[in-house]
Protein backbone atom coordinates (compact mmCIF):
# COMPACT_ATOMS: atom_id res chain seq x y z
CA MET A 1 0.11 0.01 0.10
CA ASP A 2 1.38 3.45 -0.86
CA PHE A 3 1.05 5.59 2.17
CA ARG A 4 2.69 8.77 0.64
CA PRO A 5 -0.57 10.58 -0.48
CA TRP A 6 -1.87 10.25 3.14
CA LEU A 7 1.55 11.65 4.49
CA ILE A 8 1.40 14.53 2.24
CA LEU A 9 -2.24 15.25 3.38
CA LEU A 10 -1.10 14.99 6.98
CA VAL A 11 1.97 17.29 6.37
CA MET A 12 -0.20 20.05 4.85
CA LEU A 13 -2.81 19.98 7.28
CA SER A 14 -0.65 19.48 10.51
CA ALA A 15 -1.12 23.06 11.65
CA SER A 16 -4.94 22.89 11.29
CA LEU A 17 -5.11 19.48 13.04
CA SER A 18 -3.18 20.51 16.19
CA GLY A 19 -5.39 20.02 19.04
CA CYS A 20 -8.20 18.47 16.99
CA LEU A 21 -9.75 14.97 17.05
CA GLY A 22 -7.50 12.61 15.34
CA GLU A 23 -4.13 14.16 16.30
CA ASP A 24 -3.10 11.21 18.47
CA GLU A 25 -3.76 8.73 15.88
CA ALA A 26 -1.51 10.95 13.33
CA MET A 27 1.26 11.05 15.77
CA ASP A 28 1.09 7.33 16.39
CA SER A 29 1.42 6.75 12.50
CA MET A 30 4.23 9.30 12.21
CA ASN A 31 6.36 8.38 15.10
CA GLY A 32 5.24 5.07 16.43
CA GLU A 33 5.65 1.52 15.09
CA ASP A 34 3.84 2.25 11.99
CA ASN A 35 6.27 4.93 11.13
CA PHE A 36 6.19 5.52 7.16
CA TYR A 37 8.32 8.68 7.15
CA PRO A 38 9.45 8.18 3.29
CA GLU A 39 12.97 7.93 2.11
CA PRO A 40 14.92 11.13 1.06
CA TRP A 41 14.18 10.36 -2.42
CA ASP A 42 10.40 10.18 -1.91
CA ARG A 43 10.06 13.60 -0.14
CA GLU A 44 9.67 15.91 -3.16
CA ASP A 45 6.11 16.74 -2.56
CA LEU A 46 6.36 17.26 1.32
CA VAL A 47 5.55 20.87 2.49
CA TYR A 48 7.29 22.43 5.46
CA GLU A 49 7.17 25.55 7.55
CA ASP A 50 9.83 27.90 6.17
CA ASN A 51 9.09 31.24 7.92
CA ASP A 52 11.71 30.67 10.87
CA SER A 53 15.34 30.65 10.96
CA PHE A 54 15.30 26.73 11.11
CA SER A 55 13.29 23.79 10.04
CA ARG A 56 10.53 22.39 11.91
CA VAL A 57 9.09 18.92 12.14
CA SER A 58 5.98 18.35 10.17
CA MET A 59 3.98 17.01 13.10
CA PRO A 60 3.60 18.75 16.44
CA GLY A 61 4.32 16.82 19.40
CA LEU A 62 2.11 15.69 22.28
CA TYR A 63 3.80 17.50 25.14
CA GLU A 64 4.52 20.86 26.42
CA ILE A 65 8.08 22.07 27.19
CA GLY A 66 8.71 21.88 30.90
CA GLU A 67 10.62 24.81 32.78
CA VAL A 68 14.31 24.75 32.32
CA GLN A 69 16.63 23.27 35.06
CA SER A 70 20.01 24.20 36.08
CA ILE A 71 22.12 21.31 36.92
CA TYR A 72 25.83 20.97 38.17
CA VAL A 73 27.45 17.73 37.32
CA PRO A 74 30.25 16.63 39.67
CA VAL A 75 33.46 15.12 37.86
CA PRO A 76 35.49 13.38 40.54
CA SER A 77 38.06 12.10 37.83
CA ILE A 78 39.44 15.59 37.97
CA THR A 79 42.19 15.41 40.89
CA ALA A 80 44.85 17.54 42.18
CA ALA A 81 47.30 16.11 39.64
CA ASP A 82 45.24 17.84 37.03
CA GLY A 83 45.60 21.38 38.55
CA GLY A 84 42.79 23.95 38.48
CA ALA A 85 39.63 22.89 40.09
CA GLY A 86 41.35 19.53 40.94
CA VAL A 87 43.31 21.68 43.47
CA THR A 88 40.68 24.08 44.61
CA GLY A 89 38.01 21.32 44.76
CA GLY A 90 34.76 20.27 43.14
CA ALA A 91 35.15 20.22 39.38
CA GLU A 92 31.89 20.22 37.76
CA VAL A 93 30.17 20.79 34.43
CA HIS A 94 26.91 22.77 34.19
CA LEU A 95 24.00 22.09 31.92
CA GLY A 96 20.67 23.41 31.23
CA LEU A 97 17.81 20.68 31.18
CA TRP A 98 14.35 20.74 29.48
CA LEU A 99 12.03 17.87 29.93
CA PRO A 100 8.59 17.18 28.27
CA VAL A 101 5.61 17.62 30.71
CA ILE A 102 4.02 14.11 30.57
CA GLU A 103 0.73 13.79 32.70
CA GLY A 104 1.36 11.81 35.99
CA CYS A 105 4.96 11.97 35.64
CA ASP A 106 6.87 13.53 38.65
CA TYR A 107 10.51 13.65 37.56
CA SER A 108 11.64 14.20 41.14
CA ALA A 109 10.50 10.73 42.18
CA SER A 110 12.69 7.74 42.39
CA ASN A 111 10.65 5.14 41.12
CA LEU A 112 9.13 6.12 37.68
CA SER A 113 7.18 4.01 35.22
CA GLU A 114 8.53 3.44 31.68
CA GLU A 115 6.12 5.85 30.28
CA CYS A 116 7.84 8.75 32.18
CA LYS A 117 11.30 7.83 31.07
CA VAL A 118 12.67 9.75 28.34
CA PRO A 119 15.73 9.83 26.18
CA VAL A 120 18.02 12.96 25.91
CA ILE A 121 19.47 15.00 23.18
CA SER A 122 22.44 17.16 24.09
CA GLU A 123 24.48 19.87 22.60
CA VAL A 124 27.92 20.36 24.42
CA GLY A 125 30.15 23.20 23.71
CA PRO A 126 32.20 26.37 24.94
CA TYR A 127 29.81 29.07 24.03
CA TYR A 128 27.18 29.39 26.65
CA ASP A 129 27.68 32.78 28.43
CA ASP A 130 30.22 33.85 26.04
CA GLY A 131 28.09 37.01 24.61
CA ASP A 132 25.42 34.68 23.45
CA VAL A 133 23.03 32.90 25.94
CA SER A 134 23.47 30.98 29.05
CA ALA A 135 23.06 27.10 29.23
CA THR A 136 19.51 27.70 30.70
CA THR A 137 18.53 29.88 27.65
CA PRO A 138 17.59 28.32 24.34
CA ALA A 139 20.48 29.10 22.14
CA GLU A 140 19.50 30.41 18.66
CA ARG A 141 22.25 28.57 16.90
CA LEU A 142 20.83 25.01 17.69
CA GLY A 143 19.08 25.02 21.13
CA ARG A 144 15.63 26.44 19.99
CA PHE A 145 15.81 23.93 17.16
CA LEU A 146 16.21 20.94 19.57
CA ILE A 147 14.00 22.36 22.31
CA GLU A 148 10.93 23.27 20.21
CA ASN A 149 11.16 20.36 17.99
CA TYR A 150 11.94 17.54 19.98
CA VAL A 151 10.89 18.18 23.69
CA PRO A 152 7.28 17.92 22.49
CA HIS A 153 8.01 14.48 21.10
CA GLY A 154 9.14 13.15 24.44
CA TYR A 155 12.75 14.02 24.38
CA GLY A 156 14.80 15.76 27.08
CA VAL A 157 17.25 18.39 25.90
CA ALA A 158 20.62 19.49 27.59
CA GLN A 159 22.84 22.36 26.79
CA VAL A 160 26.11 21.56 28.57
CA SER A 161 29.03 23.89 28.95
CA VAL A 162 32.56 22.30 28.68
CA PHE A 163 35.10 22.96 31.44
CA GLY A 164 36.31 26.58 31.79
CA THR A 165 33.13 27.91 29.92
CA GLY A 166 29.63 29.19 30.96
CA ASN A 167 29.13 28.11 34.53
CA SER A 168 31.44 25.11 34.45
CA ASN A 169 34.57 25.49 36.42
CA HIS A 170 37.90 24.09 36.02
CA CYS A 171 40.17 24.59 32.65
CA MET A 172 39.29 25.24 29.22
CA ASP A 173 41.94 22.91 27.72
CA LEU A 174 40.70 23.04 24.06
CA MET A 175 39.37 19.47 23.68
CA GLY A 176 41.96 17.78 25.89
CA THR A 177 41.67 15.05 28.45
CA ASP A 178 40.10 17.11 31.17
CA GLU A 179 37.40 18.37 28.74
CA GLN A 180 36.85 14.80 27.39
CA ARG A 181 36.49 13.57 30.92
CA GLY A 182 33.74 16.49 31.95
CA ILE A 183 31.66 15.55 28.87
CA ASP A 184 31.76 11.83 29.66
CA ALA A 185 30.59 12.52 33.24
CA ALA A 186 27.61 14.59 31.69
CA VAL A 187 26.55 11.99 29.30
CA SER A 188 26.71 9.34 32.35
CA TRP A 189 24.68 11.69 34.56
CA LEU A 190 21.94 12.11 31.88
CA GLY A 191 21.70 8.41 31.13
CA GLU A 192 21.55 7.49 34.88
CA GLN A 193 18.66 9.66 35.98
CA PRO A 194 15.51 8.12 37.17
CA TRP A 195 13.60 9.99 34.49
CA SER A 196 15.95 8.78 31.67
CA ASN A 197 15.56 5.67 29.47
CA GLY A 198 19.29 5.27 29.60
CA LYS A 199 19.80 6.43 26.02
CA VAL A 200 21.75 9.69 25.25
CA GLY A 201 22.37 11.24 21.84
CA MET A 202 24.79 14.10 21.03
CA ILE A 203 24.41 16.91 18.17
CA GLY A 204 26.26 19.96 17.60
CA LYS A 205 28.20 21.86 14.85
CA SER A 206 31.77 23.04 14.83
CA TYR A 207 33.38 22.95 18.32
CA ASP A 208 29.90 21.52 19.43
CA GLY A 209 30.31 19.00 16.62
CA SER A 210 33.73 17.84 17.97
CA THR A 211 32.27 17.15 21.43
CA PRO A 212 30.12 14.03 20.36
CA TRP A 213 33.60 12.59 18.82
CA GLN A 214 35.05 13.26 22.16
CA ALA A 215 32.26 11.51 23.94
CA ALA A 216 32.28 8.71 21.74
CA THR A 217 36.07 7.88 22.65
CA PHE A 218 34.96 6.45 25.88
CA GLY A 219 32.62 3.79 24.88
CA ASN A 220 29.98 5.12 27.42
CA PRO A 221 27.05 2.58 27.47
CA TYR A 222 24.63 5.59 27.77
CA LEU A 223 25.71 7.18 24.42
CA SER A 224 23.72 5.73 21.70
CA THR A 225 24.11 8.10 18.74
CA ILE A 226 26.07 11.22 17.92
CA VAL A 227 25.28 13.54 15.07
CA PRO A 228 28.66 15.64 14.75
CA MET A 229 28.25 18.66 12.06
CA SER A 230 31.37 19.91 10.85
CA GLY A 231 32.91 18.33 13.71
CA LEU A 232 36.49 17.83 14.46
CA ILE A 233 37.83 14.25 14.40
CA GLY A 234 41.02 15.72 16.04
CA VAL A 235 42.41 19.05 16.75
CA HIS A 236 45.76 18.77 14.79
CA GLU A 237 43.81 17.13 12.05
CA LEU A 238 41.77 20.34 11.58
CA MET A 239 44.70 22.72 11.52
CA TRP A 240 47.36 20.82 9.39
CA ARG A 241 46.80 19.00 6.08
CA ASN A 242 49.91 17.00 4.88
CA GLY A 243 52.07 19.12 7.10
CA SER A 244 50.52 22.34 5.78
CA MET A 245 49.00 24.61 8.30
CA GLU A 246 46.10 26.83 8.46
CA ALA A 247 46.97 30.45 9.23
CA ARG A 248 45.07 30.23 12.47
CA GLY A 249 46.81 26.98 13.72
CA ALA A 250 49.55 28.59 15.51
CA ILE A 251 47.35 30.67 17.69
CA MET A 252 44.36 28.63 17.93
CA HIS A 253 44.45 28.10 21.67
CA ASN A 254 45.93 31.14 23.24
CA GLY A 255 44.56 33.51 20.65
CA VAL A 256 41.07 32.23 20.44
CA TYR A 257 39.99 29.90 23.16
CA GLY A 258 42.63 30.84 25.39
CA SER A 259 40.52 34.04 26.32
CA PHE A 260 37.95 32.15 27.89
CA GLY A 261 40.11 30.99 30.66
CA ILE A 262 42.36 34.20 31.51
CA ASP A 263 39.95 37.23 31.86
CA GLY A 264 41.05 38.79 35.04
CA ASP A 265 38.71 37.41 37.68
CA VAL A 266 39.25 35.22 40.70
CA SER A 267 38.62 31.95 38.55
CA ASP A 268 41.54 32.44 36.60
CA SER A 269 43.39 30.18 39.10
CA GLU A 270 41.32 27.39 38.01
CA ASN A 271 42.93 27.41 34.55
CA LEU A 272 46.36 26.44 36.01
CA CYS A 273 46.18 23.04 34.43
CA GLU A 274 48.49 20.99 32.32
CA GLY A 275 46.41 21.30 29.26
CA TYR A 276 45.95 24.90 29.19
CA VAL A 277 49.65 25.68 29.62
CA GLU A 278 50.82 23.42 27.01
CA GLY A 279 48.46 24.95 24.29
CA TYR A 280 50.48 28.14 24.33
CA VAL A 281 53.60 26.38 23.06
CA ASN A 282 52.44 23.44 20.99
CA GLY A 283 50.63 25.52 18.29
CA PRO A 284 53.89 27.48 17.44
CA LEU A 285 55.99 24.17 17.59
CA ALA A 286 53.67 22.40 15.40
CA TYR A 287 53.71 25.23 12.94
CA GLN A 288 57.53 24.64 12.59
CA THR A 289 57.59 21.03 12.38
CA GLY A 290 54.14 20.34 10.59
CA GLY A 291 53.71 17.04 12.79
CA MET A 292 52.28 16.06 15.89
CA VAL A 293 54.92 17.20 18.27
CA GLU A 294 55.72 15.31 21.33
CA PHE A 295 58.49 16.26 23.76
CA ALA A 296 59.37 15.72 27.38
CA GLY A 297 56.11 13.55 27.77
CA ASN A 298 54.08 16.04 26.08
CA THR A 299 51.07 14.28 24.30
CA TYR A 300 49.05 17.32 23.64
CA TRP A 301 48.11 16.44 19.99
CA THR A 302 47.61 12.69 20.53
CA GLU A 303 45.16 13.35 23.40
CA ARG A 304 43.12 15.55 21.04
CA SER A 305 42.99 12.84 18.18
CA PHE A 306 39.63 11.20 18.73
CA LEU A 307 38.88 8.95 15.59
CA GLY A 308 41.18 6.11 16.49
CA ARG A 309 39.57 5.90 20.02
CA VAL A 310 35.97 6.22 18.60
CA VAL A 311 36.82 3.09 16.39
CA GLN A 312 38.21 1.25 19.22
CA ASN A 313 35.53 1.90 21.91
CA TYR A 314 32.29 3.31 20.53
CA GLN A 315 29.24 1.23 20.40
CA GLY A 316 26.56 3.71 18.92
CA SER A 317 25.45 4.92 15.62
CA VAL A 318 26.93 7.99 13.64
CA TYR A 319 25.10 10.56 11.57
CA ILE A 320 27.75 12.90 10.03
CA ILE A 321 26.57 16.19 8.54
CA GLN A 322 29.25 18.18 6.50
CA GLY A 323 29.39 21.25 4.12
CA MET A 324 31.26 20.29 1.10
CA GLN A 325 32.36 23.95 1.03
CA ASP A 326 33.38 24.42 4.35
CA TRP A 327 36.72 26.21 4.89
CA ASN A 328 36.49 26.29 8.64
CA VAL A 329 36.07 22.49 9.45
CA ASP A 330 37.12 20.91 6.00
CA PRO A 331 35.13 18.01 4.36
CA HIS A 332 38.12 15.53 5.11
CA MET A 333 36.64 15.43 8.57
CA ALA A 334 33.68 13.46 7.04
CA PHE A 335 35.44 11.48 4.32
CA PRO A 336 37.04 9.06 4.48
CA THR A 337 35.70 9.03 8.16
CA HIS A 338 32.33 7.63 6.78
CA GLN A 339 34.16 4.55 5.33
CA ILE A 340 36.19 4.42 8.55
CA MET A 341 33.08 4.05 10.58
CA GLU A 342 31.56 1.48 8.06
CA GLU A 343 34.75 -0.73 8.18
CA ALA A 344 34.72 -0.77 11.98
CA GLY A 345 31.14 -2.20 11.78
CA ILE A 346 29.66 1.17 13.19
CA GLU A 347 26.25 2.30 11.69
CA VAL A 348 26.73 5.49 9.89
CA LYS A 349 24.90 7.68 7.62
CA THR A 350 26.31 11.11 6.14
CA LEU A 351 24.36 14.19 4.85
CA ALA A 352 26.81 16.29 2.68
CA GLY A 353 25.69 19.40 0.86
CA GLN A 354 27.23 22.34 -0.98
CA TRP A 355 27.03 24.61 1.95
CA ALA A 356 29.95 26.22 4.17
CA HIS A 357 30.27 26.05 7.97
CA ASP A 358 26.50 26.01 8.33
CA TYR A 359 23.36 23.83 8.98
CA PRO A 360 21.55 22.21 6.38
CA ASP A 361 18.39 24.36 6.81
CA ARG A 362 19.75 28.10 7.25
CA VAL A 363 18.81 30.39 4.49
CA SER A 364 21.01 33.26 5.59
CA GLY A 365 24.20 31.22 5.17
CA HIS A 366 23.32 29.35 2.26
CA SER A 367 22.27 32.24 0.11
CA SER A 368 25.55 34.21 0.90
CA GLN A 369 27.98 31.91 -0.62
CA GLY A 370 30.24 32.95 -3.39
CA SER A 371 30.79 31.59 -6.92
CA GLY A 372 32.71 28.25 -6.75
CA GLU A 373 31.98 27.96 -3.22
CA GLY A 374 28.31 26.91 -3.17
CA ALA A 375 26.55 29.71 -4.83
CA GLU A 376 25.71 27.57 -8.01
CA ALA A 377 23.92 24.84 -5.65
CA TYR A 378 21.64 27.27 -4.05
CA PRO A 379 18.53 27.03 -3.31
CA TYR A 380 18.89 23.31 -3.70
CA THR A 381 21.19 23.17 -0.83
CA LEU A 382 18.23 24.07 1.73
CA ARG A 383 16.92 20.89 3.44
CA TRP A 384 13.61 21.91 5.19
CA ASP A 385 13.18 18.14 5.92
CA TRP A 386 16.18 17.95 8.20
CA ALA A 387 14.10 18.47 11.48
CA ASP A 388 12.11 15.29 10.29
CA GLU A 389 15.08 13.59 9.31
CA MET A 390 16.62 14.02 12.76
CA LEU A 391 13.43 13.02 14.45
CA TYR A 392 13.20 9.76 12.29
CA TRP A 393 16.89 9.27 13.41
CA PHE A 394 16.34 9.88 17.06
CA ASP A 395 13.29 7.84 17.26
CA TRP A 396 14.93 4.55 16.06
CA TYR A 397 18.31 5.02 18.02
CA LEU A 398 17.17 6.60 21.24
CA LYS A 399 13.58 5.16 21.44
CA GLY A 400 13.83 1.94 19.22
CA GLU A 401 10.58 3.39 17.33
CA GLY A 402 9.72 3.77 13.67
CA ARG A 403 11.72 2.25 10.67
CA GLU A 404 15.27 1.44 10.69
CA PRO A 405 17.16 4.36 8.83
CA THR A 406 18.70 3.47 5.45
CA LEU A 407 22.33 4.03 6.02
CA GLY A 408 24.63 5.46 3.28
CA VAL A 409 25.38 9.05 1.90
CA GLU A 410 23.12 11.73 0.78
CA MET A 411 25.53 13.80 -1.51
CA GLN A 412 24.96 16.99 -3.33
CA ASP A 413 26.97 18.06 -6.28
CA ASN A 414 28.37 21.53 -6.98
CA ARG A 415 25.29 22.35 -9.24
CA GLY A 416 22.67 21.29 -6.52
CA GLY A 417 21.67 17.88 -7.53
CA TRP A 418 21.05 15.38 -4.79
CA ARG A 419 21.63 11.72 -4.92
CA PHE A 420 22.15 8.70 -2.59
CA GLU A 421 25.27 6.71 -2.52
CA SER A 422 25.45 3.40 -0.61
CA THR A 423 28.97 4.77 0.54
CA TYR A 424 31.42 7.33 -0.73
CA PRO A 425 33.27 7.33 -2.89
CA ALA A 426 30.65 5.04 -4.62
CA LEU A 427 31.40 1.49 -5.30
CA ASP A 428 31.28 1.76 -9.15
CA THR A 429 33.76 4.55 -9.00
CA GLU A 430 36.20 4.40 -12.06
CA TYR A 431 39.72 5.77 -11.92
CA LEU A 432 40.93 8.00 -14.70
CA VAL A 433 44.68 8.20 -14.74
CA ILE A 434 46.42 11.09 -16.48
CA SER A 435 49.96 11.78 -16.74
CA GLY A 436 51.44 14.93 -15.94
CA ALA A 437 52.73 15.39 -19.44
CA GLU A 438 49.07 15.13 -20.70
CA LEU A 439 48.24 18.21 -18.66
CA SER A 440 50.43 20.41 -20.85
CA PRO A 441 51.97 22.27 -17.91
CA ASP A 442 53.46 25.51 -18.78
CA GLY A 443 56.57 25.45 -16.42
CA ALA A 444 58.72 22.89 -14.76
CA ALA A 445 59.94 24.97 -11.82
CA ILE A 446 58.00 27.12 -9.04
CA SER A 447 59.05 29.74 -6.79
CA ALA A 448 57.08 32.08 -4.33
CA ALA A 449 55.93 34.31 -7.37
CA SER A 450 55.24 31.80 -10.06
CA THR A 451 52.14 29.76 -11.06
CA ILE A 452 52.04 26.60 -13.29
CA THR A 453 48.84 26.14 -15.28
CA MET A 454 47.74 22.69 -16.37
CA THR A 455 44.60 21.77 -18.49
CA TYR A 456 42.87 18.47 -19.44
CA GLY A 457 39.86 17.81 -21.63
CA PRO A 458 37.49 18.17 -22.95
CA PHE A 459 35.66 15.23 -21.63
CA GLU A 460 33.63 13.24 -24.09
CA GLU A 461 30.62 12.58 -21.80
CA ASP A 462 28.87 13.98 -18.79
CA ILE A 463 31.00 12.89 -15.52
CA TYR A 464 31.13 13.41 -11.93
CA ILE A 465 34.32 13.88 -10.27
CA ALA A 466 33.30 12.43 -6.94
CA GLY A 467 35.60 11.63 -4.08
CA MET A 468 39.13 12.49 -3.50
CA PRO A 469 41.52 13.02 -6.61
CA THR A 470 45.12 12.47 -6.07
CA PHE A 471 48.16 14.08 -7.85
CA HIS A 472 51.49 12.43 -7.47
CA ILE A 473 54.07 14.96 -8.07
CA PRO A 474 57.86 14.24 -8.24
CA VAL A 475 59.72 17.55 -6.90
CA THR A 476 63.20 18.36 -6.38
CA PRO A 477 63.86 20.96 -3.74
CA SER A 478 66.78 23.48 -4.55
CA THR A 479 67.17 24.57 -0.73
CA LEU A 480 67.46 22.89 2.55
CA ASN A 481 64.19 24.56 3.74
CA GLY A 482 62.13 22.27 1.42
CA ALA A 483 59.11 22.76 -0.50
CA HIS A 484 55.43 23.65 -0.31
CA GLY A 485 52.58 23.30 -2.83
CA TYR A 486 49.06 24.23 -3.41
CA LEU A 487 46.77 23.09 -6.19
CA GLU A 488 43.35 24.60 -7.34
CA MET A 489 41.01 22.69 -9.72
CA ARG A 490 38.77 25.00 -11.72
CA ASP A 491 36.23 24.49 -14.74
CA ASP A 492 36.17 26.30 -18.13
CA ASN A 493 34.58 29.43 -16.50
CA GLY A 494 37.29 29.74 -13.88
CA MET A 495 34.95 28.45 -11.20
CA ARG A 496 36.93 26.76 -8.36
CA LEU A 497 35.94 23.16 -8.10
CA GLY A 498 38.48 21.73 -5.36
CA HIS A 499 41.74 22.12 -3.91
CA ALA A 500 44.83 20.16 -2.33
CA VAL A 501 47.90 21.32 -0.27
CA MET A 502 51.10 19.88 0.91
CA ASP A 503 54.26 20.61 2.81
CA TYR A 504 56.69 18.41 0.76
CA ARG A 505 58.53 17.21 3.92
CA PHE A 506 55.24 15.29 4.49
CA HIS A 507 55.45 13.73 0.93
CA ALA A 508 54.08 10.39 1.98
CA GLY A 509 50.88 12.28 3.21
CA GLY A 510 49.43 12.08 6.51
CA ARG A 511 51.04 13.05 9.70
CA ASP A 512 54.46 11.53 9.46
CA GLY A 513 57.25 13.83 7.82
CA GLN A 514 60.79 14.47 8.12
CA LEU A 515 62.37 17.63 9.65
CA ALA A 516 63.99 18.63 6.35
CA LEU A 517 64.40 17.68 2.80
CA ILE A 518 67.83 17.20 1.20
CA PRO A 519 68.57 19.68 -1.64
CA TYR A 520 68.64 18.40 -5.07
CA VAL A 521 67.04 14.86 -3.89
CA GLU A 522 63.81 14.18 -5.56
CA VAL A 523 60.85 13.04 -3.46
CA THR A 524 57.26 12.32 -4.63
CA GLY A 525 54.48 14.33 -2.98
CA TYR A 526 51.48 12.02 -2.77
CA MET A 527 48.95 14.87 -2.85
CA GLU A 528 45.25 14.27 -2.10
CA PHE A 529 42.40 16.83 -2.94
CA MET A 530 39.83 17.53 -0.36
CA PRO A 531 36.59 15.60 -0.80
CA MET A 532 34.77 17.10 -3.96
CA ASP A 533 31.58 16.18 -5.83
CA VAL A 534 31.60 18.03 -8.94
CA PHE A 535 29.46 17.66 -12.26
CA LEU A 536 30.88 18.44 -15.64
CA SER A 537 29.07 18.22 -19.02
CA ALA A 538 30.21 16.73 -22.03
CA GLY A 539 32.66 19.20 -23.75
CA GLU A 540 33.95 20.75 -20.65
CA SER A 541 37.53 20.79 -19.34
CA ILE A 542 39.62 21.19 -16.05
CA THR A 543 42.30 23.41 -15.38
CA ILE A 544 44.83 23.03 -12.38
CA LEU A 545 46.61 26.02 -10.99
CA MET A 546 49.82 25.09 -9.14
CA THR A 547 51.35 27.79 -6.74
CA GLN A 548 53.41 27.30 -3.67
CA THR A 549 50.68 28.58 -1.31
CA GLY A 550 46.90 29.67 -1.52
CA GLN A 551 43.77 30.47 0.48
CA ASP A 552 44.54 30.42 4.26
CA TYR A 553 47.28 27.84 4.09
CA VAL A 554 50.76 29.06 5.48
CA PRO A 555 53.98 27.33 4.49
CA SER A 556 56.18 26.88 7.63
CA SER A 557 59.82 28.81 7.63
CA SER A 558 60.96 25.25 7.35
CA SER A 559 59.03 24.46 4.03
CA VAL A 560 59.90 27.47 1.99
CA GLY A 561 62.06 27.58 -1.25
CA GLY A 562 61.80 26.85 -4.92
CA TYR A 563 61.75 23.41 -6.45
CA SER A 564 61.55 21.80 -9.99
CA ILE A 565 58.91 19.25 -10.97
CA ASP A 566 59.32 16.04 -13.21
CA TRP A 567 56.05 16.07 -15.19
CA ASP A 568 56.88 12.91 -17.06
CA GLU A 569 56.60 10.92 -13.92
CA ALA A 570 53.78 12.71 -12.32
CA THR A 571 50.09 11.20 -12.24
CA LEU A 572 46.71 12.90 -11.89
CA THR A 573 43.93 10.53 -10.71
CA LEU A 574 40.43 11.43 -10.99
CA PRO A 575 37.72 9.45 -9.27
CA ILE A 576 34.96 9.44 -11.89
CA VAL A 577 31.23 8.14 -11.52
CA LYS A 578 28.62 8.22 -14.32
CA ARG A 579 25.36 9.42 -13.21
CA THR A 580 22.41 11.09 -14.94
CA CYS A 581 19.45 13.15 -13.92
CA ASN A 582 17.51 9.87 -13.26
CA ASP A 583 19.96 9.32 -10.33
CA LEU A 584 19.03 12.57 -8.65
CA PHE A 585 16.42 13.32 -6.21
CA GLN A 586 14.57 16.45 -5.37
CA ALA A 587 14.75 17.85 -1.83
CA PRO A 588 11.32 19.04 -0.43
CA MET A 589 10.04 22.51 -1.71
CA GLN A 590 12.91 22.66 -4.34
CA ASP A 591 12.14 21.76 -8.09
CA TYR A 592 15.02 21.52 -10.48
CA GLY A 593 14.34 24.04 -13.20
CA ASN A 594 14.82 23.73 -17.07
CA SER A 595 14.33 27.15 -18.37
CA GLU A 596 15.12 29.87 -15.75
CA GLU A 597 18.77 31.13 -15.91
CA GLY A 598 20.81 29.93 -13.02
CA LEU A 599 18.62 26.85 -12.22
CA ARG A 600 19.85 23.24 -12.38
CA MET A 601 19.14 21.78 -15.85
CA CYS A 602 17.59 18.37 -15.69
């Protein structure tokens, strides 16, 4: 039986049905055992509210939102050895908690019926009481979205301040061991309460998207699902790519988050902990070396590298949300992370759109993107079904209700088209290998002031470059200082398609390099582009520009200097998939155009 017409009718009439006869039955159908919420490719006819800054669930919940509670959670694992509040005493994290008002349920009672027990969705981060809102005020960035959408559907929502921020004491150690233990304590407290069903989910963006990864490192039995949005799988992984540092890397701790700790009040003494002090030296040192510096027992970067411990310990599910045009938290945080989760046996789904450092449903951010950085995909980037999608996900993993989600990757290309892949890169990916000489480079040596231009094409048929292209480039440095390279891929119109960067001391890729290159000794740089999903029509070509540096990447003083290139031995490899308009689906409230200028042609 096809339920879609009935669902569409329910969605369109949801506002008028609120409080009317039949609402309970509708809710049971939407969120109970008979959940028939359609798959992404079957939602094109759904209609949602779009008059707020965020999306809303299509059906109203049954419960009112209770008064916020202010909670302090003790963290006894912080001891005198950690300094800060470990010395002054009573390390604790603060949270604001909203629970649904359920008739007959007194949350202060110790023995509650199963009908009174609810799962909790939490957002954890450093921004409460930082010129925004307190942890007990719904935050505009995500708090309102969570509280107004999900508390009425029988969820608790918690806003948690990490150590050294908001009303949490101790030390802001930038995702270090202390912060991780504080987050884990908050998860345990939320899962252990008499009113809790023992299942906790975490969701957040940016820094708040890194805290779910941090929590997952512990294998906490209460943590059932995480939704990291543009979240960090590690601090060093964010700031360095193949040994090349973003401009902010050297001062990220003391210049940005360090200000949260030292502000001239009496609580400054609580920041005298190991992780806080180490942050002031590790950024500059890593800038010079490019690697994960360890000295005198200092494990600053390895403590802040989460993915390996997640794979080892985590038992829940993961929903990754990533902007493919995010220059703040690059998409290499999501790919190949998705496949790493799959291989570890962790249930994972990814939603990846052509937005920047943003949410899937925010008009203000999506509409302001520039050419080559998401503008061509707008307005198809907007996912007004996102609130429903998250409810669908949480219902399954936190309540055990509804239909098991279909796992895989919802990917959007650079011109706005959405499609579903079982994994990413796709299983049927073909790899086009192109020699450096075929690209007709207009130079064989590069300096700080020079640019080498390469071209390939035209392509004989429509293609997608979908995944992480590689460019293996033999280089010979002319100085002891080494060499640095930046690649930008463009289309025929000069629109940016993707980029790659490398400090050639890290020519093998990854985080293991050498202190210096030997002058006039060739090494092959195994460069990998950031994940990209680019549609090119038959007859189009690509251009690659090579410079020493570009955008916000900064070559270390240890990696400057000119070098020559052996193009005969260089190879560019493009991951190619063949897809047509038949493989695309339309997001709700967005129709692919075929006549109006600027709209996607399908």
